[in-house]
Amino acid sequence: MKISEAINNILMQLNKKAESMNDQLILSTPDSVEVYADHDRFIQIMVNIIQNAIQFTENGEIKIAIKETDSDVFRLYTF
């Protein structure tokens, strides 16, 4: 699955809740990043993390940034 598409969909769903707290949701990720994971579980985890960020942030920015770290053995994505 493409992470940028999945997280963009989540942000669209949670944007009204963030706006009600005067928060701004910001996504910074390369479009090409793909992850092989259980789609439903990944979405559930990301929704929970972002909802918690909205709940505990007032009048601020919530940034979701994904960076790729190259390795000889595997690729690591940091959130």
Protein backbone atom coordinates (compact mmCIF):
# COMPACT_ATOMS: atom_id res chain seq x y z
CA MET A 1 0.00 0.00 0.00
CA LYS A 2 1.15 3.54 -0.62
CA ILE A 3 1.58 5.26 2.72
CA SER A 4 0.88 8.76 1.41
CA GLU A 5 -2.54 7.72 0.07
CA ALA A 6 -3.48 5.84 3.24
CA ILE A 7 -2.50 8.68 5.58
CA ASN A 8 -4.08 11.33 3.33
CA ASN A 9 -7.37 9.43 3.60
CA ILE A 10 -7.04 9.35 7.39
CA LEU A 11 -6.26 13.07 7.53
CA MET A 12 -9.32 13.87 5.41
CA GLN A 13 -11.49 11.92 7.87
CA LEU A 14 -9.97 13.56 10.96
CA ASN A 15 -9.55 17.10 9.62
CA LYS A 16 -12.86 18.40 11.04
CA LYS A 17 -11.99 17.10 14.49
CA ALA A 18 -8.58 18.79 14.25
CA GLU A 19 -10.13 22.06 13.09
CA SER A 20 -12.51 22.01 16.06
CA MET A 21 -9.41 22.01 18.32
CA ASN A 22 -7.79 24.74 16.17
CA ASP A 23 -5.15 22.25 15.08
CA GLN A 24 -3.57 21.90 11.67
CA LEU A 25 -2.71 18.47 10.24
CA ILE A 26 0.45 18.41 8.11
CA LEU A 27 1.74 15.44 6.10
CA SER A 28 5.29 15.21 4.78
CA THR A 29 6.04 11.99 2.94
CA PRO A 30 7.45 10.95 -0.43
CA ASP A 31 4.70 9.70 -2.76
CA SER A 32 6.71 6.63 -3.72
CA VAL A 33 6.90 5.02 -0.27
CA GLU A 34 5.11 1.67 -0.20
CA VAL A 35 4.70 -0.62 2.77
CA TYR A 36 3.80 -4.28 2.90
CA ALA A 37 1.62 -4.54 5.99
CA ASP A 38 -1.81 -5.53 7.19
CA HIS A 39 -3.78 -2.63 5.72
CA ASP A 40 -6.56 -2.61 8.32
CA ARG A 41 -4.18 -2.80 11.28
CA PHE A 42 -1.92 -0.09 9.86
CA ILE A 43 -4.91 2.23 9.37
CA GLN A 44 -6.20 1.45 12.87
CA ILE A 45 -2.83 2.23 14.46
CA MET A 46 -2.37 5.47 12.53
CA VAL A 47 -5.92 6.64 13.30
CA ASN A 48 -5.34 5.99 17.01
CA ILE A 49 -2.03 7.88 17.02
CA ILE A 50 -3.44 10.86 15.11
CA GLN A 51 -6.61 10.99 17.23
CA ASN A 52 -4.47 11.04 20.38
CA ALA A 53 -2.39 13.85 18.93
CA ILE A 54 -5.55 15.84 18.19
CA GLN A 55 -6.96 15.16 21.65
CA PHE A 56 -3.83 16.39 23.43
CA THR A 57 -2.98 19.33 21.14
CA GLU A 58 -4.77 22.67 21.15
CA ASN A 59 -4.06 25.53 18.78
CA GLY A 60 -1.09 23.77 17.23
CA GLU A 61 0.30 21.74 14.38
CA ILE A 62 0.31 17.97 14.14
CA LYS A 63 2.99 16.85 11.71
CA ILE A 64 3.14 13.38 10.23
CA ALA A 65 6.50 12.92 8.53
CA ILE A 66 7.86 9.76 6.97
CA LYS A 67 11.51 9.38 6.05
CA GLU A 68 13.22 6.49 4.32
CA THR A 69 16.55 5.28 5.66
CA ASP A 70 18.57 3.08 3.30
CA SER A 71 20.33 -0.01 4.55
CA ASP A 72 22.06 -2.93 2.88
CA VAL A 73 19.71 -5.39 4.55
CA PHE A 74 16.36 -3.59 4.72
CA ARG A 75 14.66 -0.23 4.46
CA LEU A 76 13.57 1.50 7.60
CA TYR A 77 10.75 4.02 7.61
CA THR A 78 10.62 6.39 10.53
CA PHE A 79 7.41 8.13 11.51
